[in-house]
Amino acid sequence: MKHYSLEWIEAWCQENGWTELFVERRNNYWAFPPGGVMPEPIPSHVLRGIKAEKGLTVEERIWSISAVIGTFVAVVSTFILRCPMPLVLAFAFNAVTVAQFELEDV
């Protein structure tokens, strides 16, 4: 899951003089600092600050909404079917969703 929008990081780079932003792998952003000749990773405290300011990405919102809708459908189908399995499946899906929200510290 992408925790940061590329537009957010590009805007920060332009404001702070960092150039040639590229993504090494998911959620790992590199750019040339002002006056630098080698690219460096965007500092993790900056990424956390951007995340705190901007909130959830589109992908995170989709996962969150699908978890809520899935839970609601599971509760309704549990009452209709009189079977606990839909709740078990919803719990498993929500556990995976919450695990994907964990930020990896670099």
N, C-alpha and C. Protein backbone atom coordinates (compact mmCIF):
# COMPACT_ATOMS: atom_id res chain seq x y z
N MET A 1 0.85 -1.16 0.00
CA MET A 1 0.00 0.00 0.00
C MET A 1 0.90 1.24 0.00
N LYS A 2 0.55 2.20 -0.84
CA LYS A 2 1.30 3.45 -0.88
C LYS A 2 0.80 4.36 0.24
N HIS A 3 1.72 4.76 1.11
CA HIS A 3 1.37 5.61 2.23
C HIS A 3 1.56 7.09 1.93
N TYR A 4 2.27 7.39 0.84
CA TYR A 4 2.54 8.78 0.48
C TYR A 4 2.19 8.99 -0.99
N SER A 5 1.56 10.10 -1.28
CA SER A 5 1.25 10.45 -2.65
C SER A 5 2.49 11.10 -3.27
N LEU A 6 2.78 10.73 -4.50
CA LEU A 6 3.95 11.27 -5.18
C LEU A 6 3.83 12.79 -5.33
N GLU A 7 2.61 13.29 -5.53
CA GLU A 7 2.40 14.73 -5.66
C GLU A 7 2.78 15.47 -4.37
N TRP A 8 2.48 14.87 -3.21
CA TRP A 8 2.84 15.48 -1.94
C TRP A 8 4.35 15.65 -1.82
N ILE A 9 5.06 14.61 -2.21
CA ILE A 9 6.52 14.62 -2.05
C ILE A 9 7.15 15.55 -3.10
N GLU A 10 6.59 15.56 -4.31
CA GLU A 10 7.10 16.47 -5.33
C GLU A 10 6.92 17.93 -4.89
N ALA A 11 5.77 18.23 -4.29
CA ALA A 11 5.53 19.59 -3.81
C ALA A 11 6.53 19.97 -2.72
N TRP A 12 6.83 19.04 -1.80
CA TRP A 12 7.80 19.32 -0.76
C TRP A 12 9.18 19.54 -1.37
N CYS A 13 9.53 18.72 -2.36
CA CYS A 13 10.84 18.87 -3.01
C CYS A 13 10.97 20.23 -3.68
N GLN A 14 9.93 20.67 -4.35
CA GLN A 14 9.99 21.98 -5.01
C GLN A 14 10.10 23.11 -3.98
N GLU A 15 9.39 22.99 -2.88
CA GLU A 15 9.44 24.02 -1.84
C GLU A 15 10.81 24.10 -1.17
N ASN A 16 11.51 22.96 -1.07
CA ASN A 16 12.76 22.90 -0.33
C ASN A 16 14.00 22.78 -1.20
N GLY A 17 13.85 22.88 -2.51
CA GLY A 17 15.00 22.89 -3.41
C GLY A 17 15.57 21.54 -3.76
N TRP A 18 14.88 20.46 -3.46
CA TRP A 18 15.35 19.13 -3.84
C TRP A 18 14.93 18.89 -5.29
N THR A 19 15.77 18.19 -6.05
CA THR A 19 15.50 18.00 -7.48
C THR A 19 15.54 16.52 -7.85
N GLU A 20 14.98 16.22 -9.01
CA GLU A 20 15.00 14.89 -9.64
C GLU A 20 14.52 13.78 -8.71
N LEU A 21 13.34 13.94 -8.20
CA LEU A 21 12.74 12.94 -7.32
C LEU A 21 12.51 11.64 -8.07
N PHE A 22 12.85 10.51 -7.45
CA PHE A 22 12.51 9.20 -8.01
C PHE A 22 12.19 8.24 -6.87
N VAL A 23 11.44 7.21 -7.22
CA VAL A 23 11.01 6.21 -6.24
C VAL A 23 11.85 4.96 -6.45
N GLU A 24 12.66 4.63 -5.46
CA GLU A 24 13.51 3.44 -5.55
C GLU A 24 12.64 2.18 -5.48
N ARG A 25 11.77 2.13 -4.50
CA ARG A 25 10.77 1.09 -4.35
C ARG A 25 9.62 1.71 -3.58
N ARG A 26 8.58 0.97 -3.34
CA ARG A 26 7.40 1.54 -2.70
C ARG A 26 7.75 2.23 -1.38
N ASN A 27 7.27 3.46 -1.24
CA ASN A 27 7.46 4.29 -0.05
C ASN A 27 8.92 4.56 0.28
N ASN A 28 9.80 4.55 -0.73
CA ASN A 28 11.21 4.87 -0.53
C ASN A 28 11.60 5.89 -1.61
N TYR A 29 11.65 7.16 -1.23
CA TYR A 29 11.82 8.25 -2.17
C TYR A 29 13.21 8.86 -2.05
N TRP A 30 13.82 9.14 -3.20
CA TRP A 30 15.16 9.71 -3.26
C TRP A 30 15.12 10.97 -4.13
N ALA A 31 16.00 11.91 -3.81
CA ALA A 31 16.15 13.12 -4.63
C ALA A 31 17.50 13.75 -4.33
N PHE A 32 17.88 14.71 -5.17
CA PHE A 32 19.11 15.44 -4.95
C PHE A 32 18.82 16.61 -4.02
N PRO A 33 19.50 16.69 -2.87
CA PRO A 33 19.28 17.83 -1.97
C PRO A 33 19.87 19.10 -2.59
N PRO A 34 19.54 20.25 -2.05
CA PRO A 34 20.08 21.50 -2.59
C PRO A 34 21.61 21.50 -2.57
N GLY A 35 22.20 21.73 -3.72
CA GLY A 35 23.66 21.75 -3.83
C GLY A 35 24.31 20.38 -3.77
N GLY A 36 23.54 19.32 -3.74
CA GLY A 36 24.08 17.97 -3.64
C GLY A 36 24.41 17.38 -5.00
N VAL A 37 25.40 16.47 -5.02
CA VAL A 37 25.78 15.80 -6.25
C VAL A 37 25.38 14.32 -6.24
N MET A 38 24.91 13.85 -5.09
CA MET A 38 24.43 12.46 -4.99
C MET A 38 23.01 12.49 -4.45
N PRO A 39 22.14 11.62 -4.97
CA PRO A 39 20.78 11.59 -4.41
C PRO A 39 20.79 11.02 -3.00
N GLU A 40 19.88 11.51 -2.19
CA GLU A 40 19.73 11.02 -0.83
C GLU A 40 18.27 10.68 -0.60
N PRO A 41 18.02 9.76 0.33
CA PRO A 41 16.61 9.47 0.63
C PRO A 41 15.95 10.69 1.29
N ILE A 42 14.68 10.88 0.98
CA ILE A 42 13.93 11.94 1.65
C ILE A 42 13.89 11.55 3.13
N PRO A 43 14.27 12.44 4.04
CA PRO A 43 14.32 12.08 5.47
C PRO A 43 12.97 11.56 5.98
N SER A 44 13.04 10.57 6.84
CA SER A 44 11.81 9.93 7.33
C SER A 44 10.97 10.90 8.17
N HIS A 45 11.62 11.82 8.89
CA HIS A 45 10.83 12.78 9.67
C HIS A 45 10.05 13.73 8.75
N VAL A 46 10.59 14.00 7.57
CA VAL A 46 9.87 14.81 6.59
C VAL A 46 8.67 14.04 6.06
N LEU A 47 8.87 12.76 5.75
CA LEU A 47 7.77 11.93 5.25
C LEU A 47 6.66 11.82 6.29
N ARG A 48 7.04 11.63 7.55
CA ARG A 48 6.02 11.56 8.61
C ARG A 48 5.28 12.88 8.76
N GLY A 49 5.98 13.99 8.62
CA GLY A 49 5.34 15.30 8.68
C GLY A 49 4.37 15.52 7.54
N ILE A 50 4.76 15.11 6.34
CA ILE A 50 3.87 15.23 5.18
C ILE A 50 2.64 14.37 5.40
N LYS A 51 2.83 13.17 5.91
CA LYS A 51 1.71 12.26 6.17
C LYS A 51 0.77 12.83 7.22
N ALA A 52 1.31 13.41 8.26
CA ALA A 52 0.48 14.01 9.31
C ALA A 52 -0.33 15.18 8.78
N GLU A 53 0.27 15.93 7.87
CA GLU A 53 -0.41 17.11 7.32
C GLU A 53 -1.47 16.72 6.29
N LYS A 54 -1.16 15.77 5.42
CA LYS A 54 -2.03 15.46 4.29
C LYS A 54 -3.08 14.38 4.59
N GLY A 55 -2.80 13.47 5.51
CA GLY A 55 -3.77 12.43 5.85
C GLY A 55 -3.62 11.18 5.01
N LEU A 56 -4.74 10.57 4.66
CA LEU A 56 -4.74 9.30 3.94
C LEU A 56 -4.62 9.50 2.43
N THR A 57 -3.92 8.57 1.78
CA THR A 57 -3.86 8.57 0.32
C THR A 57 -5.14 7.95 -0.22
N VAL A 58 -5.32 8.04 -1.53
CA VAL A 58 -6.51 7.48 -2.17
C VAL A 58 -6.57 5.97 -1.93
N GLU A 59 -5.44 5.30 -2.05
CA GLU A 59 -5.39 3.85 -1.85
C GLU A 59 -5.77 3.48 -0.41
N GLU A 60 -5.29 4.25 0.55
CA GLU A 60 -5.64 3.98 1.95
C GLU A 60 -7.13 4.21 2.20
N ARG A 61 -7.69 5.23 1.57
CA ARG A 61 -9.12 5.48 1.72
C ARG A 61 -9.95 4.35 1.14
N ILE A 62 -9.54 3.84 -0.01
CA ILE A 62 -10.27 2.72 -0.63
C ILE A 62 -10.24 1.50 0.27
N TRP A 63 -9.06 1.18 0.82
CA TRP A 63 -8.95 0.03 1.73
C TRP A 63 -9.81 0.24 2.98
N SER A 64 -9.81 1.45 3.52
CA SER A 64 -10.60 1.73 4.72
C SER A 64 -12.10 1.59 4.44
N ILE A 65 -12.54 2.17 3.35
CA ILE A 65 -13.96 2.09 3.00
C ILE A 65 -14.37 0.66 2.73
N SER A 66 -13.53 -0.10 2.03
CA SER A 66 -13.88 -1.49 1.75
C SER A 66 -13.93 -2.32 3.03
N ALA A 67 -13.08 -2.01 4.01
CA ALA A 67 -13.13 -2.73 5.28
C ALA A 67 -14.42 -2.43 6.03
N VAL A 68 -14.84 -1.18 6.02
CA VAL A 68 -16.10 -0.82 6.71
C VAL A 68 -17.30 -1.45 6.00
N ILE A 69 -17.33 -1.36 4.69
CA ILE A 69 -18.44 -1.95 3.94
C ILE A 69 -18.45 -3.47 4.11
N GLY A 70 -17.27 -4.10 4.04
CA GLY A 70 -17.18 -5.54 4.23
C GLY A 70 -17.67 -5.98 5.61
N THR A 71 -17.35 -5.20 6.62
CA THR A 71 -17.81 -5.52 7.97
C THR A 71 -19.32 -5.39 8.07
N PHE A 72 -19.87 -4.34 7.49
CA PHE A 72 -21.32 -4.15 7.50
C PHE A 72 -22.03 -5.30 6.79
N VAL A 73 -21.52 -5.70 5.62
CA VAL A 73 -22.11 -6.81 4.88
C VAL A 73 -21.99 -8.10 5.68
N ALA A 74 -20.87 -8.30 6.36
CA ALA A 74 -20.68 -9.51 7.16
C ALA A 74 -21.66 -9.56 8.33
N VAL A 75 -21.90 -8.43 8.98
CA VAL A 75 -22.85 -8.40 10.10
C VAL A 75 -24.25 -8.74 9.61
N VAL A 76 -24.66 -8.12 8.51
CA VAL A 76 -26.00 -8.38 7.97
C VAL A 76 -26.13 -9.83 7.53
N SER A 77 -25.13 -10.34 6.82
CA SER A 77 -25.23 -11.72 6.35
C SER A 77 -25.14 -12.72 7.50
N THR A 78 -24.47 -12.36 8.58
CA THR A 78 -24.43 -13.25 9.75
C THR A 78 -25.82 -13.40 10.35
N PHE A 79 -26.55 -12.30 10.43
CA PHE A 79 -27.93 -12.37 10.95
C PHE A 79 -28.85 -13.12 9.99
N ILE A 80 -28.69 -12.88 8.71
CA ILE A 80 -29.56 -13.54 7.72
C ILE A 80 -29.28 -15.03 7.65
N LEU A 81 -28.00 -15.39 7.58
CA LEU A 81 -27.62 -16.80 7.43
C LEU A 81 -27.55 -17.55 8.76
N ARG A 82 -27.54 -16.80 9.86
CA ARG A 82 -27.39 -17.39 11.19
C ARG A 82 -26.13 -18.27 11.26
N CYS A 83 -25.07 -17.68 10.76
CA CYS A 83 -23.79 -18.38 10.69
C CYS A 83 -22.69 -17.36 10.99
N PRO A 84 -21.70 -17.70 11.80
CA PRO A 84 -20.66 -16.73 12.16
C PRO A 84 -19.54 -16.59 11.12
N MET A 85 -19.54 -17.40 10.08
CA MET A 85 -18.43 -17.37 9.13
C MET A 85 -18.23 -16.03 8.43
N PRO A 86 -19.29 -15.31 8.04
CA PRO A 86 -19.03 -14.00 7.43
C PRO A 86 -18.27 -13.05 8.36
N LEU A 87 -18.56 -13.11 9.65
CA LEU A 87 -17.82 -12.26 10.59
C LEU A 87 -16.36 -12.69 10.70
N VAL A 88 -16.11 -13.99 10.63
CA VAL A 88 -14.74 -14.49 10.67
C VAL A 88 -13.97 -14.00 9.45
N LEU A 89 -14.61 -14.07 8.28
CA LEU A 89 -13.96 -13.60 7.06
C LEU A 89 -13.73 -12.08 7.11
N ALA A 90 -14.70 -11.35 7.64
CA ALA A 90 -14.53 -9.90 7.76
C ALA A 90 -13.39 -9.58 8.73
N PHE A 91 -13.29 -10.33 9.82
CA PHE A 91 -12.20 -10.12 10.76
C PHE A 91 -10.86 -10.36 10.08
N ALA A 92 -10.75 -11.43 9.30
CA ALA A 92 -9.49 -11.73 8.60
C ALA A 92 -9.14 -10.62 7.61
N PHE A 93 -10.13 -10.15 6.85
CA PHE A 93 -9.89 -9.08 5.90
C PHE A 93 -9.45 -7.79 6.61
N ASN A 94 -10.11 -7.48 7.72
CA ASN A 94 -9.76 -6.28 8.47
C ASN A 94 -8.37 -6.39 9.10
N ALA A 95 -7.98 -7.59 9.52
CA ALA A 95 -6.65 -7.79 10.08
C ALA A 95 -5.58 -7.52 9.01
N VAL A 96 -5.81 -7.98 7.79
CA VAL A 96 -4.87 -7.73 6.70
C VAL A 96 -4.84 -6.24 6.37
N THR A 97 -5.99 -5.62 6.36
CA THR A 97 -6.07 -4.18 6.06
C THR A 97 -5.31 -3.36 7.09
N VAL A 98 -5.51 -3.65 8.36
CA VAL A 98 -4.82 -2.91 9.42
C VAL A 98 -3.32 -3.15 9.33
N ALA A 99 -2.91 -4.35 9.02
CA ALA A 99 -1.47 -4.64 8.90
C ALA A 99 -0.85 -3.85 7.76
N GLN A 100 -1.59 -3.62 6.70
CA GLN A 100 -1.05 -2.84 5.59
C GLN A 100 -0.89 -1.37 5.93
N PHE A 101 -1.59 -0.88 6.94
CA PHE A 101 -1.47 0.51 7.34
C PHE A 101 -0.21 0.79 8.14
N GLU A 102 0.51 -0.23 8.57
CA GLU A 102 1.74 -0.04 9.34
C GLU A 102 2.79 0.63 8.46
N LEU A 103 3.36 1.71 8.93
CA LEU A 103 4.43 2.39 8.22
C LEU A 103 5.75 1.70 8.51
N GLU A 104 6.53 1.51 7.47
CA GLU A 104 7.85 0.90 7.63
C GLU A 104 8.86 2.00 7.90
N ASP A 105 9.54 1.93 9.03
CA ASP A 105 10.58 2.92 9.32
C ASP A 105 11.85 2.52 8.61
N VAL A 106 12.46 3.47 7.97
CA VAL A 106 13.67 3.21 7.20
C VAL A 106 14.88 3.43 8.07
